[in-house]
N, C-alpha and C. Protein backbone atom coordinates (compact mmCIF):
# COMPACT_ATOMS: atom_id res chain seq x y z
N MET A 1 8.47 -6.21 -49.24
CA MET A 1 7.37 -5.20 -48.80
C MET A 1 7.47 -5.25 -47.35
N THR A 2 7.27 -4.13 -46.67
CA THR A 2 7.11 -4.19 -45.15
C THR A 2 5.82 -3.83 -44.71
N ALA A 3 5.52 -4.10 -43.72
CA ALA A 3 4.16 -3.86 -43.15
C ALA A 3 4.01 -2.33 -42.92
N PRO A 4 3.00 -1.69 -43.00
CA PRO A 4 2.83 -0.30 -42.57
C PRO A 4 3.36 0.05 -41.27
N GLY A 5 4.12 1.01 -41.21
CA GLY A 5 4.62 1.29 -40.11
C GLY A 5 5.65 0.70 -39.39
N VAL A 6 6.37 -0.29 -40.23
CA VAL A 6 7.57 -1.00 -39.90
C VAL A 6 8.66 -0.31 -40.94
N THR A 7 9.76 -0.06 -40.28
CA THR A 7 11.03 0.04 -41.16
C THR A 7 11.99 -0.97 -41.11
N GLY A 8 12.91 -1.05 -42.07
CA GLY A 8 13.63 -2.12 -42.27
C GLY A 8 15.00 -1.64 -41.67
N ASP A 9 15.20 -0.51 -40.93
CA ASP A 9 16.31 0.20 -40.41
C ASP A 9 16.76 -0.70 -39.05
N GLU A 10 17.80 -1.39 -39.01
CA GLU A 10 17.96 -2.23 -37.88
C GLU A 10 18.39 -1.32 -36.81
N ALA A 11 19.03 -0.21 -36.92
CA ALA A 11 19.45 0.72 -35.69
C ALA A 11 18.17 1.08 -34.95
N THR A 12 17.13 1.37 -35.80
CA THR A 12 15.98 2.06 -35.31
C THR A 12 15.41 0.73 -34.48
N ALA A 13 15.18 -0.41 -34.80
CA ALA A 13 14.95 -1.49 -34.18
C ALA A 13 15.57 -1.82 -32.87
N ASP A 14 16.83 -1.56 -32.97
CA ASP A 14 17.74 -1.80 -31.79
C ASP A 14 17.43 -0.87 -30.67
N ASN A 15 17.31 0.44 -31.17
CA ASN A 15 16.95 1.48 -30.15
C ASN A 15 15.59 1.26 -29.55
N ALA A 16 14.74 0.72 -30.26
CA ALA A 16 13.29 0.50 -29.76
C ALA A 16 13.39 -0.62 -28.78
N ARG A 17 14.15 -1.61 -29.02
CA ARG A 17 14.51 -2.73 -28.09
C ARG A 17 14.98 -2.30 -26.80
N THR A 18 15.97 -1.32 -26.89
CA THR A 18 16.69 -1.00 -25.88
C THR A 18 15.76 0.07 -24.85
N ARG A 19 15.02 0.96 -25.66
CA ARG A 19 13.91 1.76 -24.99
C ARG A 19 12.86 0.77 -24.09
N ALA A 20 12.46 -0.33 -24.78
CA ALA A 20 11.41 -1.19 -24.20
C ALA A 20 12.09 -1.90 -23.12
N ALA A 21 13.36 -2.33 -22.99
CA ALA A 21 13.92 -2.85 -21.86
C ALA A 21 14.16 -2.05 -20.70
N GLU A 22 14.35 -0.85 -21.10
CA GLU A 22 14.47 0.22 -19.92
C GLU A 22 13.20 0.52 -19.36
N ALA A 23 12.15 0.62 -20.01
CA ALA A 23 10.85 0.85 -19.61
C ALA A 23 10.32 -0.39 -18.62
N ILE A 24 10.70 -1.47 -19.19
CA ILE A 24 10.28 -2.72 -18.31
C ILE A 24 11.00 -2.72 -17.01
N ALA A 25 12.20 -2.27 -17.00
CA ALA A 25 13.07 -2.34 -15.81
C ALA A 25 12.47 -1.33 -14.80
N ARG A 26 12.24 -0.03 -15.33
CA ARG A 26 11.75 0.96 -14.68
C ARG A 26 10.25 0.61 -14.04
N ALA A 27 9.48 -0.02 -14.77
CA ALA A 27 8.03 -0.62 -14.28
C ALA A 27 8.38 -1.62 -13.08
N GLN A 28 9.16 -2.44 -13.25
CA GLN A 28 9.63 -3.44 -12.22
C GLN A 28 9.87 -2.84 -11.01
N ALA A 29 10.98 -1.78 -11.04
CA ALA A 29 11.37 -0.93 -9.77
C ALA A 29 10.33 -0.31 -9.10
N THR A 30 9.58 0.21 -9.91
CA THR A 30 8.40 1.02 -9.36
C THR A 30 7.44 0.04 -8.58
N THR A 31 7.07 -1.07 -9.14
CA THR A 31 6.24 -1.86 -8.76
C THR A 31 6.69 -2.68 -7.27
N ALA A 32 8.06 -2.81 -7.19
CA ALA A 32 8.75 -3.20 -5.91
C ALA A 32 8.49 -1.98 -4.96
N ALA A 33 8.87 -0.80 -5.32
CA ALA A 33 8.71 0.32 -4.25
C ALA A 33 7.28 0.36 -3.80
N ILE A 34 6.26 0.40 -4.63
CA ILE A 34 4.83 0.52 -4.28
C ILE A 34 4.62 -0.72 -3.51
N SER A 35 4.92 -1.85 -3.66
CA SER A 35 4.68 -2.89 -2.77
C SER A 35 5.20 -2.69 -1.40
N THR A 36 6.57 -2.19 -1.12
CA THR A 36 6.97 -2.15 0.02
C THR A 36 6.26 -1.09 0.78
N GLY A 37 5.90 -0.07 0.05
CA GLY A 37 5.05 1.02 0.66
C GLY A 37 3.65 0.64 1.21
N ALA A 38 3.16 -0.18 0.44
CA ALA A 38 1.82 -0.69 0.67
C ALA A 38 1.87 -1.60 2.12
N VAL A 39 2.95 -2.41 2.21
CA VAL A 39 3.18 -3.30 3.24
C VAL A 39 3.54 -2.46 4.56
N LEU A 40 4.37 -1.34 4.44
CA LEU A 40 4.49 -0.30 5.52
C LEU A 40 3.27 0.39 5.95
N GLY A 41 2.44 0.69 4.87
CA GLY A 41 1.09 1.59 5.20
C GLY A 41 0.24 0.60 6.00
N PHE A 42 0.26 -0.68 5.64
CA PHE A 42 -0.73 -1.66 6.52
C PHE A 42 -0.16 -1.75 7.82
N ILE A 43 1.24 -2.03 8.05
CA ILE A 43 1.57 -2.01 9.30
C ILE A 43 1.48 -0.83 10.25
N ALA A 44 1.61 0.19 9.54
CA ALA A 44 1.26 1.39 10.52
C ALA A 44 -0.15 1.50 10.74
N LEU A 45 -1.13 1.14 9.96
CA LEU A 45 -2.63 1.06 10.22
C LEU A 45 -2.82 0.09 11.15
N VAL A 46 -2.21 -0.99 11.24
CA VAL A 46 -2.53 -2.01 12.40
C VAL A 46 -2.09 -1.46 13.73
N LEU A 47 -0.80 -1.01 13.68
CA LEU A 47 -0.41 -0.33 15.13
C LEU A 47 -1.16 0.81 15.44
N GLY A 48 -1.59 1.63 14.49
CA GLY A 48 -2.55 2.72 15.08
C GLY A 48 -3.72 2.34 15.58
N ALA A 49 -4.52 1.14 15.05
CA ALA A 49 -5.78 0.57 15.53
C ALA A 49 -5.34 -0.05 16.87
N VAL A 50 -4.37 -0.69 17.10
CA VAL A 50 -3.86 -1.29 18.51
C VAL A 50 -3.85 -0.12 19.36
N ALA A 51 -3.09 0.97 19.07
CA ALA A 51 -2.97 2.08 20.03
C ALA A 51 -4.14 2.71 20.44
N ALA A 52 -4.97 2.78 19.51
CA ALA A 52 -6.54 3.39 19.58
C ALA A 52 -7.28 2.35 20.72
N TRP A 53 -7.11 1.34 20.42
CA TRP A 53 -7.76 0.18 21.29
C TRP A 53 -7.36 0.44 22.65
N PHE A 54 -6.04 0.42 22.88
CA PHE A 54 -5.41 0.44 24.16
C PHE A 54 -5.84 1.70 24.85
N GLY A 55 -5.70 3.00 24.18
CA GLY A 55 -6.31 4.25 24.61
C GLY A 55 -7.78 4.15 25.06
N GLY A 56 -8.59 3.71 24.21
CA GLY A 56 -9.90 3.57 24.41
C GLY A 56 -10.25 2.77 25.87
N VAL A 57 -9.62 1.62 25.92
CA VAL A 57 -9.46 0.77 27.10
C VAL A 57 -9.01 1.52 28.44
N SER A 58 -7.90 2.10 28.32
CA SER A 58 -7.47 2.90 29.48
C SER A 58 -8.22 3.99 29.93
N GLY A 59 -8.89 4.66 28.83
CA GLY A 59 -9.67 5.80 29.16
C GLY A 59 -11.01 5.59 29.60
N THR A 60 -11.54 4.21 29.48
CA THR A 60 -12.81 4.04 29.87
C THR A 60 -12.59 3.64 31.61
N ARG A 61 -13.71 3.92 32.18
CA ARG A 61 -13.95 3.60 33.53
C ARG A 61 -14.87 2.24 33.56
N ARG A 62 -14.41 1.26 34.37
CA ARG A 62 -15.28 0.14 34.19
C ARG A 62 -16.03 0.00 35.43
N ALA A 63 -17.33 -0.25 35.52
CA ALA A 63 -18.00 -0.58 36.71
C ALA A 63 -18.67 -1.98 36.41
N ALA A 64 -18.58 -2.64 37.60
CA ALA A 64 -19.29 -3.96 37.50
C ALA A 64 -20.57 -4.14 37.29
N LEU A 65 -21.40 -3.15 37.96
CA LEU A 65 -22.80 -3.31 37.89
C LEU A 65 -23.21 -1.65 37.72
N VAL A 66 -24.15 -1.51 36.93
CA VAL A 66 -24.79 -0.17 36.78
C VAL A 66 -26.19 -0.13 36.83
N ASP A 67 -26.90 0.86 37.39
CA ASP A 67 -28.44 0.80 37.41
C ASP A 67 -28.93 1.50 36.17
N ALA A 68 -30.17 1.77 36.21
CA ALA A 68 -30.83 2.41 34.99
C ALA A 68 -30.31 3.91 34.97
N SER A 69 -29.85 4.48 35.90
CA SER A 69 -29.38 5.96 35.78
C SER A 69 -27.79 6.03 35.76
N ASP A 70 -27.13 4.90 35.27
CA ASP A 70 -25.69 4.72 34.99
C ASP A 70 -24.93 5.17 36.20
N ARG A 71 -25.24 4.75 37.65
CA ARG A 71 -24.66 4.76 38.73
C ARG A 71 -24.10 3.52 39.09
N CYS A 72 -22.93 3.27 39.56
CA CYS A 72 -22.28 2.20 39.97
C CYS A 72 -22.97 1.66 41.28
N VAL A 73 -23.33 0.15 41.01
CA VAL A 73 -23.95 -0.35 42.18
C VAL A 73 -23.00 -1.57 42.54
N SER A 74 -22.60 -1.52 43.79
CA SER A 74 -21.73 -2.29 44.38
C SER A 74 -22.16 -3.63 44.76
């Protein structure tokens, strides 16, 4: 007697094993691709932050001392 939903057909079992192995291989390949994309996205984000910092620093005028009305005091 077999369990419910289980067949004794060996060809069906081999087909199921093959499909399961293919699904696992696809999942592993997808995981590797997603991981690579995440790393590249992180690097792009850091480079953008550094570029924004340099842009902010170079676009800002620096005064040694300022008074209450934001005028430069030498």
